[in-house]
């Protein structure tokens, strides 16, 4: 096979992703209609989990090969909360997060039916509890916001001269905002709060 044929084969029909990403994840941002208005449904990760135990999050997980964000979000929600996928009406896909650790986190917005909420039974191995927060709370109460810098650490051995740039080259820096909301003993923060913030902004 020629080099040109190999490139045609590699890129023909290729769906672009994040260059260098080790994994892609998807979460469902579940909306629930109540008499007093729309709510968002969150879960608390089990204390027995190795990664992020006890943290508030949306249901979701790593995407399987060939899986779309929608399918992943519905599958993970069914596995974690036992909400049947047919009881979730998908509303669209909000903006995703490209994390500095090298992965994509893709949210899917969905409306959980009354029957779906009634069927909810958190899987104890993964989920400690689930709770609802009215969207009005987020609209009426701005989050606490903290910021940290992403600063490059360049090795002393970097070959500035052979690359053709000065030793005082201005490497790019970044900043990450960390919003935090507190609700009845729970902290909605980090990437989960950033998705929440995006949803609330679209209501304005």
Protein backbone atom coordinates (compact mmCIF):
# COMPACT_ATOMS: atom_id res chain seq x y z
CA UNK A 1 0.00 0.00 0.00
CA UNK A 2 1.37 3.40 -0.95
CA UNK A 3 1.66 6.25 1.54
CA UNK A 4 -1.13 8.10 -0.25
CA UNK A 5 -3.42 5.06 -0.10
CA UNK A 6 -2.64 4.65 3.59
CA UNK A 7 -3.64 8.26 4.26
CA UNK A 8 -6.82 7.92 2.22
CA UNK A 9 -7.72 4.82 4.20
CA UNK A 10 -6.91 6.44 7.54
CA UNK A 11 -8.80 9.68 6.94
CA UNK A 12 -11.62 8.60 4.64
CA UNK A 13 -14.77 8.84 6.73
CA UNK A 14 -12.73 9.70 9.83
CA UNK A 15 -14.70 11.49 12.55
CA UNK A 16 -12.41 14.16 14.04
CA UNK A 17 -11.77 14.08 17.75
CA UNK A 18 -9.42 15.74 20.20
CA UNK A 19 -5.82 15.27 19.03
CA UNK A 20 -3.94 13.17 21.56
CA UNK A 21 -7.00 12.47 23.71
CA UNK A 22 -6.67 9.25 25.65
CA UNK A 23 -10.39 8.91 26.39
CA UNK A 24 -13.73 10.52 25.71
CA UNK A 25 -16.53 10.64 28.25
CA UNK A 26 -20.19 11.62 28.10
CA UNK A 27 -22.64 12.66 30.79
CA UNK A 28 -26.37 13.20 30.83
CA UNK A 29 -27.56 16.52 32.24
CA UNK A 30 -31.00 15.29 33.34
CA UNK A 31 -33.85 17.75 33.58
CA UNK A 32 -36.99 16.91 35.56
CA UNK A 33 -40.27 18.82 35.40
CA UNK A 34 -41.89 19.49 38.78
CA UNK A 35 -44.94 21.65 39.66
CA UNK A 36 -42.59 24.39 40.88
CA UNK A 37 -40.49 24.32 37.70
CA UNK A 38 -37.57 22.57 36.02
CA UNK A 39 -34.95 20.81 38.15
CA UNK A 40 -31.57 19.26 37.43
CA UNK A 41 -30.87 15.76 38.71
CA UNK A 42 -27.47 15.07 40.27
CA UNK A 43 -25.89 12.04 41.84
CA UNK A 44 -23.28 11.60 44.57
CA UNK A 45 -20.52 9.15 43.76
CA UNK A 46 -20.11 6.23 46.14
CA UNK A 47 -17.43 6.57 48.82
CA UNK A 48 -16.14 3.15 47.72
CA UNK A 49 -15.08 4.37 44.27
CA UNK A 50 -11.37 4.94 43.65
CA UNK A 51 -11.85 8.07 41.53
CA UNK A 52 -13.61 11.13 42.95
CA UNK A 53 -15.45 9.35 45.79
CA UNK A 54 -18.28 11.32 47.34
CA UNK A 55 -18.32 14.02 44.66
CA UNK A 56 -21.45 15.41 43.04
CA UNK A 57 -21.73 14.70 39.32
CA UNK A 58 -24.07 13.96 36.44
CA UNK A 59 -24.55 10.33 35.42
CA UNK A 60 -22.05 9.31 32.77
CA UNK A 61 -18.81 7.57 31.98
CA UNK A 62 -16.29 6.58 29.34
CA UNK A 63 -17.54 6.20 25.79
CA UNK A 64 -17.16 2.73 24.28
CA UNK A 65 -15.71 2.27 20.76
CA UNK A 66 -18.24 3.36 18.15
CA UNK A 67 -20.56 4.85 20.77
CA UNK A 68 -22.04 8.33 20.37
CA UNK A 69 -22.22 10.72 23.34
CA UNK A 70 -26.01 10.27 23.36
CA UNK A 71 -25.84 6.49 23.55
CA UNK A 72 -23.13 6.60 26.21
CA UNK A 73 -25.06 9.07 28.36
CA UNK A 74 -28.26 7.00 28.15
CA UNK A 75 -26.42 3.74 28.85
CA UNK A 76 -24.56 5.11 31.85
CA UNK A 77 -27.71 6.72 33.28
CA UNK A 78 -29.53 3.41 33.01
CA UNK A 79 -26.63 1.57 34.66
CA UNK A 80 -26.16 4.09 37.47
CA UNK A 81 -29.72 5.20 38.21
CA UNK A 82 -31.88 2.51 36.54
CA UNK A 83 -33.77 5.16 34.58
CA UNK A 84 -34.90 3.45 31.35
CA UNK A 85 -33.47 5.17 28.29
CA UNK A 86 -36.91 5.29 26.68
CA UNK A 87 -38.02 7.54 29.55
CA UNK A 88 -35.47 10.21 28.59
CA UNK A 89 -36.19 12.68 25.78
CA UNK A 90 -32.93 14.04 24.40
CA UNK A 91 -32.97 17.81 23.91
CA UNK A 92 -29.54 18.45 22.42
CA UNK A 93 -25.83 18.63 23.10
CA UNK A 94 -24.37 21.56 25.04
CA UNK A 95 -20.76 22.65 24.61
CA UNK A 96 -18.16 20.09 25.69
CA UNK A 97 -15.07 20.43 27.87
CA UNK A 98 -11.54 19.67 26.68
CA UNK A 99 -9.79 18.87 29.94
CA UNK A 100 -6.13 19.73 30.45
CA UNK A 101 -5.52 16.12 31.50
CA UNK A 102 -6.17 15.07 27.90
CA UNK A 103 -9.77 13.94 27.59
CA UNK A 104 -13.08 15.17 26.20
CA UNK A 105 -16.18 15.39 28.39
CA UNK A 106 -19.33 15.71 26.31
CA UNK A 107 -22.67 16.61 27.91
CA UNK A 108 -26.09 15.59 26.62
CA UNK A 109 -29.21 17.41 27.76
CA UNK A 110 -32.26 15.24 28.40
CA UNK A 111 -35.70 15.43 29.99
CA UNK A 112 -36.55 12.57 32.36
CA UNK A 113 -40.23 11.62 32.40
CA UNK A 114 -42.26 11.21 35.58
CA UNK A 115 -42.20 7.44 35.00
CA UNK A 116 -38.43 7.54 34.58
CA UNK A 117 -37.98 9.42 37.85
CA UNK A 118 -40.29 6.97 39.64
CA UNK A 119 -38.20 4.07 38.32
CA UNK A 120 -34.94 5.59 39.57
CA UNK A 121 -32.95 3.26 41.83
CA UNK A 122 -29.30 4.31 42.30
CA UNK A 123 -26.77 1.47 41.95
CA UNK A 124 -25.19 1.40 45.42
CA UNK A 125 -21.79 0.29 44.11
CA UNK A 126 -21.46 3.54 42.15
CA UNK A 127 -24.00 6.02 43.53
CA UNK A 128 -24.49 7.01 47.15
CA UNK A 129 -27.60 9.11 46.46
CA UNK A 130 -29.37 11.25 43.89
CA UNK A 131 -30.99 14.65 44.43
CA UNK A 132 -32.81 17.40 42.56
CA UNK A 133 -32.00 21.11 42.48
CA UNK A 134 -34.40 23.67 40.95
CA UNK A 135 -32.96 25.63 38.06
CA UNK A 136 -34.32 28.75 39.74
CA UNK A 137 -31.77 28.26 42.53
CA UNK A 138 -28.89 28.49 40.07
CA UNK A 139 -30.44 31.48 38.30
CA UNK A 140 -30.97 33.39 41.53
CA UNK A 141 -27.68 32.49 43.25
CA UNK A 142 -24.41 33.09 41.37
CA UNK A 143 -21.73 30.52 42.17
CA UNK A 144 -18.57 31.18 44.12
CA UNK A 145 -15.87 31.25 41.46
CA UNK A 146 -12.21 30.45 41.92
CA UNK A 147 -9.50 30.63 39.26
CA UNK A 148 -6.21 28.78 38.90
CA UNK A 149 -3.46 29.26 36.32
CA UNK A 150 -2.14 26.71 33.87
CA UNK A 151 1.54 27.60 33.58
CA UNK A 152 3.99 25.76 31.29
CA UNK A 153 7.07 24.23 32.89
CA UNK A 154 9.74 24.06 30.20
CA UNK A 155 12.75 21.78 30.77
CA UNK A 156 16.09 23.54 30.98
CA UNK A 157 17.39 21.31 28.17
CA UNK A 158 14.85 22.63 25.64
CA UNK A 159 16.77 23.37 22.38
CA UNK A 160 15.70 26.99 21.85
CA UNK A 161 18.56 27.80 19.47
CA UNK A 162 18.07 24.86 17.12
CA UNK A 163 14.32 25.39 17.08
CA UNK A 164 14.91 29.02 16.19
CA UNK A 165 13.22 30.78 19.08
CA UNK A 166 14.68 32.98 21.84
CA UNK A 167 15.30 31.65 25.34
CA UNK A 168 12.73 34.15 26.65
CA UNK A 169 10.05 32.81 24.29
CA UNK A 170 6.55 33.63 25.57
CA UNK A 171 4.92 30.24 26.07
CA UNK A 172 1.13 30.19 26.23
CA UNK A 173 -0.57 30.23 29.61
CA UNK A 174 -4.13 29.34 30.54
CA UNK A 175 -6.68 29.90 33.28
CA UNK A 176 -9.39 27.60 34.58
CA UNK A 177 -12.49 28.82 36.39
CA UNK A 178 -13.91 26.60 39.14
CA UNK A 179 -17.52 27.54 40.02
CA UNK A 180 -19.07 26.19 43.22
CA UNK A 181 -22.71 26.08 44.31
CA UNK A 182 -23.76 24.75 47.72
CA UNK A 183 -27.12 23.06 48.06
CA UNK A 184 -28.32 21.43 51.31
CA UNK A 185 -24.93 20.02 52.25
CA UNK A 186 -23.88 19.20 48.68
CA UNK A 187 -21.27 21.03 46.60
CA UNK A 188 -21.99 21.26 42.89
CA UNK A 189 -18.61 22.26 41.55
CA UNK A 190 -15.94 21.86 38.89
CA UNK A 191 -16.89 20.51 35.47
CA UNK A 192 -20.37 19.56 36.69
CA UNK A 193 -20.91 23.16 37.79
CA UNK A 194 -19.53 24.47 34.50
CA UNK A 195 -22.11 22.43 32.58
CA UNK A 196 -24.78 23.66 34.98
CA UNK A 197 -23.64 27.23 34.43
CA UNK A 198 -23.87 26.80 30.67
CA UNK A 199 -27.44 25.49 30.91
CA UNK A 200 -28.46 28.39 33.15
CA UNK A 201 -26.89 30.93 30.78
CA UNK A 202 -29.04 29.62 27.94
CA UNK A 203 -32.14 30.41 29.99
CA UNK A 204 -31.32 34.12 30.10
